[in-house]
Amino acid sequence: TNDVDLDFVRGMIPHHQGAIEQAQILLKYSKNPRLKRLAGGIIATQRREIRFMQAWLQEHAAGSESEDNM
């Protein structure tokens, strides 16, 4: 789209969703408690970041985007 921000966010959402799905598989089949804790943290973090990016996309589409610093 020639909009680096939009292209980045659109590409990162499926990337983050893939990380969630991989972590869910690990939780289902792994017996390693340390990896299961890591997977749980990945799921929580990636979901939070997906929500942020979805909200950003809505704001961007509405033209009400502000210059935020993460």
N, C-alpha and C. Protein backbone atom coordinates (compact mmCIF):
# COMPACT_ATOMS: atom_id res chain seq x y z
N THR A 1 0.82 -1.20 0.00
CA THR A 1 0.00 0.00 0.00
C THR A 1 0.86 1.26 0.00
N ASN A 2 2.15 1.11 0.15
CA ASN A 2 3.07 2.24 0.33
C ASN A 2 2.87 2.96 1.65
N ASP A 3 2.09 2.39 2.56
CA ASP A 3 1.93 2.91 3.92
C ASP A 3 2.62 1.89 4.84
N VAL A 4 3.84 2.20 5.23
CA VAL A 4 4.64 1.25 5.99
C VAL A 4 3.95 0.83 7.29
N ASP A 5 3.28 1.75 7.94
CA ASP A 5 2.60 1.43 9.19
C ASP A 5 1.46 0.44 8.95
N LEU A 6 0.63 0.73 7.97
CA LEU A 6 -0.50 -0.14 7.65
C LEU A 6 -0.03 -1.52 7.21
N ASP A 7 0.97 -1.56 6.35
CA ASP A 7 1.49 -2.85 5.88
C ASP A 7 2.07 -3.66 7.03
N PHE A 8 2.78 -2.99 7.92
CA PHE A 8 3.36 -3.67 9.08
C PHE A 8 2.28 -4.30 9.95
N VAL A 9 1.28 -3.49 10.31
CA VAL A 9 0.23 -3.98 11.21
C VAL A 9 -0.55 -5.11 10.55
N ARG A 10 -0.90 -4.96 9.29
CA ARG A 10 -1.64 -6.01 8.60
C ARG A 10 -0.84 -7.32 8.52
N GLY A 11 0.46 -7.23 8.39
CA GLY A 11 1.29 -8.43 8.34
C GLY A 11 1.53 -9.05 9.70
N MET A 12 1.56 -8.22 10.73
CA MET A 12 1.88 -8.72 12.06
C MET A 12 0.71 -9.45 12.72
N ILE A 13 -0.51 -9.09 12.40
CA ILE A 13 -1.65 -9.75 13.03
C ILE A 13 -1.63 -11.26 12.75
N PRO A 14 -1.53 -11.70 11.49
CA PRO A 14 -1.48 -13.16 11.27
C PRO A 14 -0.22 -13.80 11.85
N HIS A 15 0.87 -13.06 11.87
CA HIS A 15 2.10 -13.57 12.48
C HIS A 15 1.88 -13.84 13.97
N HIS A 16 1.27 -12.91 14.66
CA HIS A 16 0.97 -13.08 16.08
C HIS A 16 -0.04 -14.21 16.29
N GLN A 17 -1.03 -14.30 15.42
CA GLN A 17 -2.03 -15.38 15.55
C GLN A 17 -1.35 -16.74 15.40
N GLY A 18 -0.39 -16.84 14.50
CA GLY A 18 0.37 -18.09 14.35
C GLY A 18 1.12 -18.45 15.61
N ALA A 19 1.70 -17.46 16.28
CA ALA A 19 2.41 -17.71 17.54
C ALA A 19 1.45 -18.22 18.60
N ILE A 20 0.25 -17.67 18.64
CA ILE A 20 -0.77 -18.12 19.60
C ILE A 20 -1.12 -19.58 19.33
N GLU A 21 -1.34 -19.91 18.07
CA GLU A 21 -1.73 -21.28 17.71
C GLU A 21 -0.62 -22.27 18.05
N GLN A 22 0.63 -21.91 17.81
CA GLN A 22 1.75 -22.79 18.16
C GLN A 22 1.83 -22.97 19.67
N ALA A 23 1.64 -21.90 20.42
CA ALA A 23 1.69 -21.98 21.88
C ALA A 23 0.55 -22.83 22.42
N GLN A 24 -0.62 -22.75 21.80
CA GLN A 24 -1.75 -23.58 22.23
C GLN A 24 -1.46 -25.06 22.01
N ILE A 25 -0.80 -25.38 20.92
CA ILE A 25 -0.43 -26.78 20.66
C ILE A 25 0.54 -27.27 21.73
N LEU A 26 1.51 -26.41 22.07
CA LEU A 26 2.45 -26.79 23.11
C LEU A 26 1.73 -27.04 24.42
N LEU A 27 0.80 -26.16 24.78
CA LEU A 27 0.06 -26.34 26.03
C LEU A 27 -0.71 -27.65 26.04
N LYS A 28 -1.21 -28.04 24.89
CA LYS A 28 -2.02 -29.26 24.80
C LYS A 28 -1.16 -30.52 24.95
N TYR A 29 0.05 -30.51 24.40
CA TYR A 29 0.82 -31.75 24.32
C TYR A 29 2.08 -31.80 25.18
N SER A 30 2.60 -30.67 25.61
CA SER A 30 3.86 -30.68 26.35
C SER A 30 3.63 -31.05 27.81
N LYS A 31 4.66 -31.65 28.38
CA LYS A 31 4.64 -31.95 29.82
C LYS A 31 5.65 -31.04 30.56
N ASN A 32 6.32 -30.17 29.82
CA ASN A 32 7.36 -29.33 30.41
C ASN A 32 6.73 -28.08 31.02
N PRO A 33 6.76 -27.95 32.34
CA PRO A 33 6.09 -26.82 32.99
C PRO A 33 6.70 -25.46 32.63
N ARG A 34 8.01 -25.40 32.42
CA ARG A 34 8.64 -24.12 32.06
C ARG A 34 8.19 -23.67 30.68
N LEU A 35 8.14 -24.60 29.73
CA LEU A 35 7.68 -24.24 28.39
C LEU A 35 6.20 -23.91 28.39
N LYS A 36 5.44 -24.58 29.23
CA LYS A 36 4.01 -24.28 29.30
C LYS A 36 3.78 -22.88 29.86
N ARG A 37 4.59 -22.47 30.86
CA ARG A 37 4.49 -21.10 31.37
C ARG A 37 4.86 -20.09 30.29
N LEU A 38 5.92 -20.41 29.55
CA LEU A 38 6.33 -19.54 28.44
C LEU A 38 5.21 -19.41 27.42
N ALA A 39 4.61 -20.54 27.05
CA ALA A 39 3.52 -20.54 26.06
C ALA A 39 2.34 -19.72 26.56
N GLY A 40 2.01 -19.85 27.83
CA GLY A 40 0.91 -19.06 28.39
C GLY A 40 1.19 -17.56 28.30
N GLY A 41 2.43 -17.18 28.58
CA GLY A 41 2.81 -15.79 28.47
C GLY A 41 2.77 -15.29 27.04
N ILE A 42 3.20 -16.13 26.12
CA ILE A 42 3.15 -15.77 24.70
C ILE A 42 1.71 -15.53 24.27
N ILE A 43 0.83 -16.42 24.67
CA ILE A 43 -0.59 -16.28 24.30
C ILE A 43 -1.15 -14.96 24.82
N ALA A 44 -0.91 -14.68 26.09
CA ALA A 44 -1.45 -13.45 26.69
C ALA A 44 -0.88 -12.21 26.00
N THR A 45 0.43 -12.19 25.78
CA THR A 45 1.06 -11.02 25.16
C THR A 45 0.61 -10.83 23.72
N GLN A 46 0.59 -11.91 22.97
CA GLN A 46 0.21 -11.79 21.56
C GLN A 46 -1.25 -11.37 21.40
N ARG A 47 -2.12 -11.87 22.26
CA ARG A 47 -3.53 -11.45 22.20
C ARG A 47 -3.66 -9.96 22.48
N ARG A 48 -2.93 -9.49 23.47
CA ARG A 48 -2.97 -8.06 23.82
C ARG A 48 -2.45 -7.22 22.65
N GLU A 49 -1.38 -7.67 22.02
CA GLU A 49 -0.83 -6.93 20.89
C GLU A 49 -1.76 -6.97 19.67
N ILE A 50 -2.43 -8.09 19.46
CA ILE A 50 -3.40 -8.17 18.36
C ILE A 50 -4.53 -7.18 18.60
N ARG A 51 -5.03 -7.12 19.83
CA ARG A 51 -6.10 -6.15 20.14
C ARG A 51 -5.63 -4.72 19.86
N PHE A 52 -4.40 -4.41 20.25
CA PHE A 52 -3.85 -3.08 20.00
C PHE A 52 -3.83 -2.80 18.49
N MET A 53 -3.33 -3.77 17.72
CA MET A 53 -3.21 -3.56 16.28
C MET A 53 -4.58 -3.47 15.60
N GLN A 54 -5.54 -4.26 16.06
CA GLN A 54 -6.89 -4.15 15.50
C GLN A 54 -7.49 -2.78 15.78
N ALA A 55 -7.29 -2.28 17.00
CA ALA A 55 -7.78 -0.95 17.35
C ALA A 55 -7.07 0.10 16.50
N TRP A 56 -5.77 -0.07 16.31
CA TRP A 56 -5.03 0.88 15.49
C TRP A 56 -5.57 0.89 14.06
N LEU A 57 -5.86 -0.30 13.51
CA LEU A 57 -6.41 -0.37 12.16
C LEU A 57 -7.74 0.35 12.06
N GLN A 58 -8.59 0.19 13.07
CA GLN A 58 -9.87 0.89 13.06
C GLN A 58 -9.68 2.40 13.12
N GLU A 59 -8.77 2.85 13.97
CA GLU A 59 -8.49 4.28 14.06
C GLU A 59 -7.90 4.80 12.75
N HIS A 60 -7.00 4.04 12.18
CA HIS A 60 -6.35 4.44 10.93
C HIS A 60 -7.38 4.55 9.81
N ALA A 61 -8.29 3.59 9.75
CA ALA A 61 -9.33 3.60 8.71
C ALA A 61 -10.26 4.78 8.90
N ALA A 62 -10.49 5.17 10.16
CA ALA A 62 -11.40 6.27 10.45
C ALA A 62 -10.71 7.63 10.30
N GLY A 63 -9.39 7.61 10.10
CA GLY A 63 -8.67 8.86 9.95
C GLY A 63 -8.41 9.58 11.25
N SER A 64 -8.60 8.88 12.37
CA SER A 64 -8.41 9.54 13.67
C SER A 64 -7.13 9.08 14.34
N GLU A 65 -6.22 8.55 13.54
CA GLU A 65 -4.96 8.06 14.10
C GLU A 65 -4.16 9.23 14.67
N SER A 66 -3.57 8.97 15.82
CA SER A 66 -2.68 9.97 16.40
C SER A 66 -1.27 9.41 16.36
N GLU A 67 -0.31 10.27 16.48
CA GLU A 67 1.07 9.86 16.52
C GLU A 67 1.36 9.31 17.91
N ASP A 68 1.35 7.96 18.05
CA ASP A 68 1.64 7.39 19.36
C ASP A 68 3.06 6.85 19.36
N ASN A 69 3.61 6.82 20.51
CA ASN A 69 4.91 6.19 20.73
C ASN A 69 4.66 4.98 21.61
N MET A 70 5.10 3.83 21.16
CA MET A 70 4.94 2.60 21.94
C MET A 70 6.03 2.49 22.96
